[in-house]
Protein backbone atom coordinates (compact mmCIF):
# COMPACT_ATOMS: atom_id res chain seq x y z
CA MET A 1 -19.04 126.03 100.21
CA THR A 2 -15.95 127.17 98.77
CA LYS A 3 -15.39 126.82 94.82
CA THR A 4 -12.65 124.73 93.14
CA PRO A 5 -10.94 126.64 90.38
CA PHE A 6 -11.56 125.95 86.78
CA PRO A 7 -8.43 124.73 84.91
CA GLN A 8 -7.41 126.95 82.63
CA SER A 9 -5.63 125.99 79.71
CA ARG A 10 -1.75 126.66 79.54
CA LYS A 11 0.34 126.93 75.84
CA LEU A 12 3.79 125.20 76.30
CA THR A 13 6.80 125.60 73.90
CA LYS A 14 9.86 123.04 74.10
CA ALA A 15 13.18 124.06 73.50
CA ASP A 16 12.82 122.40 69.99
CA GLY A 17 9.95 124.64 68.95
CA THR A 18 7.50 121.87 69.84
CA ILE A 19 4.01 123.17 70.80
CA MET A 20 1.76 121.85 73.30
CA HIS A 21 -1.80 122.66 74.78
CA ILE A 22 -2.47 121.64 77.93
CA TRP A 23 -5.53 121.66 79.78
CA ASP A 24 -6.17 120.06 83.48
CA GLY A 25 -2.58 117.93 82.73
CA LYS A 26 -3.75 116.46 79.45
CA ILE A 27 -2.94 117.64 76.03
CA HIS A 28 -5.76 119.07 74.94
CA ASN A 29 -7.29 121.82 72.72
CA TRP A 30 -10.86 122.68 71.14
CA GLU A 31 -9.56 125.72 69.05
CA GLY A 32 -6.87 123.59 66.92
CA PRO A 33 -4.13 121.05 67.27
CA ALA A 34 -2.95 120.24 70.70
CA LEU A 35 0.43 119.41 69.58
CA ILE A 36 2.91 120.74 67.21
CA PRO A 37 6.05 118.87 67.03
CA GLU A 38 9.30 121.07 66.49
CA GLY A 39 6.55 123.97 65.29
CA ASN A 40 6.15 122.16 62.01
CA ASN A 41 2.31 122.58 61.12
CA LYS A 42 2.10 119.64 58.74
CA LYS A 43 3.14 117.25 61.55
CA ARG A 44 0.07 118.44 63.63
CA GLU A 45 -1.70 116.23 66.13
CA TYR A 46 -5.25 116.73 67.56
CA TYR A 47 -6.16 115.82 71.35
CA LEU A 48 -9.02 116.16 73.33
CA TYR A 49 -8.68 115.36 77.03
CA GLY A 50 -5.66 113.40 76.54
CA ILE A 51 -7.05 111.33 73.56
CA LYS A 52 -5.31 111.25 70.11
CA PHE A 53 -7.93 111.90 67.29
CA THR A 54 -7.63 112.36 63.83
CA GLU A 55 -7.98 115.84 62.18
CA LYS A 56 -11.58 114.32 60.80
CA GLU A 57 -12.57 112.72 63.94
CA TRP A 58 -11.76 116.03 65.78
CA LYS A 59 -13.64 118.20 63.54
CA GLU A 60 -16.58 115.73 64.05
CA ARG A 61 -16.44 116.28 67.79
CA LYS A 62 -15.92 119.53 67.53
CA LYS A 63 -19.41 120.37 65.34
CA GLN A 64 -21.11 118.17 68.03
CA LEU A 65 -20.53 120.99 70.47
CA THR A 66 -22.46 124.07 68.39
CA GLY A 67 -25.61 124.95 68.89
CA LEU A 68 -27.99 124.97 71.65
CA PRO A 69 -28.51 122.46 73.90
CA PHE A 70 -31.71 120.15 73.76
CA TYR A 71 -33.32 121.59 76.89
CA LYS A 72 -32.98 125.25 75.39
CA ASN A 73 -34.44 124.41 71.75
CA SER A 74 -37.92 126.38 71.76
CA ALA A 75 -38.89 123.53 68.96
CA ILE A 76 -38.75 120.75 71.64
CA LYS A 77 -40.19 122.96 74.06
CA SER A 78 -43.34 123.90 72.31
CA ARG A 79 -44.45 119.90 71.58
CA THR A 80 -44.90 119.62 75.35
């Protein structure tokens, strides 16, 4: 059985200064804005898996990733 390589994130900079983060062929970045048009940070846009979000929505999605998954939480395990 061969493993397929996990797609790596790439940061692209266009000639006009636009910064774009690409993952698996889609605009995506968990660390910050995925698209910064013309290098202007005030016009930044947030994308996850190619879907555009507002900054507030993006922060809410990112919050959901922190912490342990439910099956590793010791409080839930002790109930059974």
